[in-house]
Amino acid sequence: MITVRPAREQDSRLLEAVWHASFMASYATFMPESYVRGVLESDVIGKLARKKWDECFIAEVDGQPGAVMQLTDNYVAELWTHPDHQKKGAASALLDHAEKMAAQRGFDTLTLCTYGRNTQAREFYRKRGFAVHRTEASDRVPDDIVCHKVKRLAG
């Protein structure tokens, strides 16, 4: 069973653990080593978990943290699934929740970005109804693009 709940301040270590495990199982396999090293050395994941916990939601799979999401207005800033819980519906449950939250906030779209190299995420979002709105060269990752995606919400 999957349950989505808002994160609490005391969840910051849990958020960080899920983000870190997902990052190492995904980004660390296809991003340049310098990018991965920079993220880990600068504690980007930890800082985000400690500072933005109040914008986050957790999908629990049978009581265990399966995926985490940061939602700012109608923008999915982060969505990470723990490797042990991939393909179990946790990320989809969070996106469903994001769609409802965005609609309640008066938005008619849900937006997010992915790196071009992140083919698994790009395909996941395509299956969930997101379309590429525009692309641009990445200013953080050489020889990559950022895909800005949008999904129209049912009215």
Protein backbone atom coordinates (compact mmCIF):
# COMPACT_ATOMS: atom_id res chain seq x y z
CA MET A 1 0.00 0.00 0.00
CA ILE A 2 1.25 3.49 -0.88
CA THR A 3 0.54 6.47 1.34
CA VAL A 4 1.55 10.06 0.49
CA ARG A 5 2.15 12.49 3.33
CA PRO A 6 3.74 15.89 3.84
CA ALA A 7 7.28 15.82 5.15
CA ARG A 8 7.96 17.09 8.65
CA GLU A 9 11.07 18.88 9.87
CA GLN A 10 12.25 15.72 11.61
CA ASP A 11 12.11 13.92 8.22
CA SER A 12 15.11 15.81 6.82
CA ARG A 13 17.49 12.87 7.34
CA LEU A 14 14.96 10.50 5.75
CA LEU A 15 14.58 12.85 2.77
CA GLU A 16 18.35 13.03 2.45
CA ALA A 17 18.71 9.24 2.61
CA VAL A 18 16.16 8.62 -0.15
CA TRP A 19 17.61 11.40 -2.34
CA HIS A 20 21.15 10.14 -1.84
CA ALA A 21 20.31 6.48 -2.57
CA SER A 22 18.38 7.46 -5.68
CA PHE A 23 21.09 9.87 -6.85
CA MET A 24 23.78 7.21 -6.52
CA ALA A 25 21.65 4.60 -8.33
CA SER A 26 20.75 6.95 -11.16
CA TYR A 27 22.72 10.16 -11.73
CA ALA A 28 26.01 8.62 -10.61
CA THR A 29 25.67 6.07 -13.43
CA PHE A 30 25.30 8.52 -16.33
CA MET A 31 26.46 11.98 -15.24
CA PRO A 32 30.06 13.13 -15.53
CA GLU A 33 32.17 12.19 -12.52
CA SER A 34 32.92 15.86 -11.87
CA TYR A 35 29.19 16.61 -11.56
CA VAL A 36 28.59 13.73 -9.15
CA ARG A 37 31.64 14.68 -7.07
CA GLY A 38 30.51 18.30 -6.94
CA VAL A 39 27.04 17.38 -5.70
CA LEU A 40 28.43 15.09 -3.01
CA GLU A 41 31.23 17.41 -1.86
CA SER A 42 29.01 20.47 -1.62
CA ASP A 43 26.30 18.59 0.31
CA VAL A 44 23.62 19.79 -2.12
CA ILE A 45 21.32 16.93 -1.18
CA GLY A 46 21.68 17.47 2.58
CA LYS A 47 21.21 21.23 2.32
CA LEU A 48 18.09 20.78 0.22
CA ALA A 49 16.62 18.25 2.66
CA ARG A 50 17.31 20.52 5.65
CA LYS A 51 16.13 23.78 4.05
CA LYS A 52 13.19 22.72 1.86
CA TRP A 53 11.58 19.94 3.91
CA ASP A 54 8.39 22.02 4.17
CA GLU A 55 7.88 21.81 0.38
CA CYS A 56 8.36 18.02 0.37
CA PHE A 57 6.12 14.99 0.32
CA ILE A 58 6.95 11.37 1.06
CA ALA A 59 5.42 8.31 -0.56
CA GLU A 60 5.59 5.41 1.84
CA VAL A 61 5.41 1.89 0.44
CA ASP A 62 4.11 -0.50 3.10
CA GLY A 63 5.28 1.96 5.76
CA GLN A 64 8.77 2.45 4.29
CA PRO A 65 9.91 5.66 2.53
CA GLY A 66 9.76 4.83 -1.17
CA ALA A 67 10.02 8.20 -2.89
CA VAL A 68 10.28 11.89 -2.07
CA MET A 69 9.18 14.98 -3.97
CA GLN A 70 9.68 18.72 -3.63
CA LEU A 71 6.76 20.72 -5.01
CA THR A 72 7.02 24.51 -5.33
CA ASP A 73 3.72 26.00 -6.54
CA ASN A 74 3.12 23.89 -9.67
CA TYR A 75 6.78 22.96 -10.24
CA VAL A 76 8.10 19.52 -9.31
CA ALA A 77 11.59 20.62 -8.30
CA GLU A 78 12.72 17.18 -7.15
CA LEU A 79 11.35 13.64 -7.46
CA TRP A 80 13.53 10.80 -6.26
CA THR A 81 12.65 7.13 -5.81
CA HIS A 82 14.69 4.86 -3.54
CA PRO A 83 16.19 2.04 -5.67
CA ASP A 84 14.50 -0.58 -3.46
CA HIS A 85 11.09 0.89 -4.33
CA GLN A 86 11.36 1.63 -8.04
CA LYS A 87 8.51 0.41 -10.22
CA LYS A 88 6.18 0.06 -7.23
CA GLY A 89 4.08 3.18 -7.89
CA ALA A 90 5.61 5.52 -5.31
CA ALA A 91 6.74 8.17 -7.82
CA SER A 92 3.43 7.95 -9.68
CA ALA A 93 1.56 8.46 -6.40
CA LEU A 94 3.63 11.58 -5.73
CA LEU A 95 2.94 12.96 -9.21
CA ASP A 96 -0.79 12.30 -8.73
CA HIS A 97 -0.54 14.23 -5.47
CA ALA A 98 1.37 17.06 -7.18
CA GLU A 99 -1.34 17.35 -9.84
CA LYS A 100 -4.04 17.66 -7.18
CA MET A 101 -2.02 20.20 -5.19
CA ALA A 102 -1.27 22.31 -8.27
CA ALA A 103 -4.94 22.32 -9.27
CA GLN A 104 -5.98 23.29 -5.74
CA ARG A 105 -3.49 26.15 -5.93
CA GLY A 106 -5.19 27.41 -9.09
CA PHE A 107 -2.71 26.19 -11.71
CA ASP A 108 -3.74 24.47 -14.94
CA THR A 109 -0.33 22.87 -15.56
CA LEU A 110 2.30 20.89 -13.70
CA THR A 111 5.91 21.51 -14.74
CA LEU A 112 9.32 19.94 -14.18
CA CYS A 113 12.76 19.58 -15.77
CA THR A 114 14.99 16.63 -16.60
CA TYR A 115 18.45 16.32 -18.02
CA GLY A 116 18.64 14.92 -21.53
CA ARG A 117 20.88 12.11 -20.32
CA ASN A 118 18.26 10.95 -17.84
CA THR A 119 16.46 8.71 -20.31
CA GLN A 120 14.71 6.67 -17.61
CA ALA A 121 13.12 9.79 -16.08
CA ARG A 122 12.27 11.26 -19.49
CA GLU A 123 10.39 8.07 -20.43
CA PHE A 124 8.63 7.90 -17.04
CA TYR A 125 7.36 11.47 -17.41
CA ARG A 126 6.32 10.89 -21.03
CA LYS A 127 4.19 7.94 -19.92
CA ARG A 128 2.67 10.17 -17.24
CA GLY A 129 1.51 12.70 -19.85
CA PHE A 130 4.32 15.27 -19.76
CA ALA A 131 5.47 16.83 -23.02
CA VAL A 132 8.67 18.74 -23.73
CA HIS A 133 7.86 22.44 -23.72
CA ARG A 134 11.40 23.60 -24.54
CA THR A 135 15.02 22.56 -24.22
CA GLU A 136 18.18 24.48 -23.48
CA ALA A 137 21.85 23.76 -23.01
CA SER A 138 22.68 22.78 -19.46
CA ASP A 139 24.79 25.31 -17.61
CA ARG A 140 25.83 22.65 -15.07
CA VAL A 141 26.53 19.58 -17.19
CA PRO A 142 28.73 19.88 -20.29
CA ASP A 143 27.26 18.48 -23.50
CA ASP A 144 23.80 17.97 -22.04
CA ILE A 145 20.44 19.65 -22.30
CA VAL A 146 17.70 20.47 -19.83
CA CYS A 147 14.24 19.41 -20.96
CA HIS A 148 11.46 21.61 -19.57
CA LYS A 149 8.29 19.53 -19.43
CA VAL A 150 4.67 20.45 -18.90
CA LYS A 151 1.45 18.56 -18.29
CA ARG A 152 -1.97 20.15 -18.68
CA LEU A 153 -4.19 19.36 -15.72
CA ALA A 154 -7.74 18.18 -16.13
CA GLY A 155 -10.04 21.10 -15.55
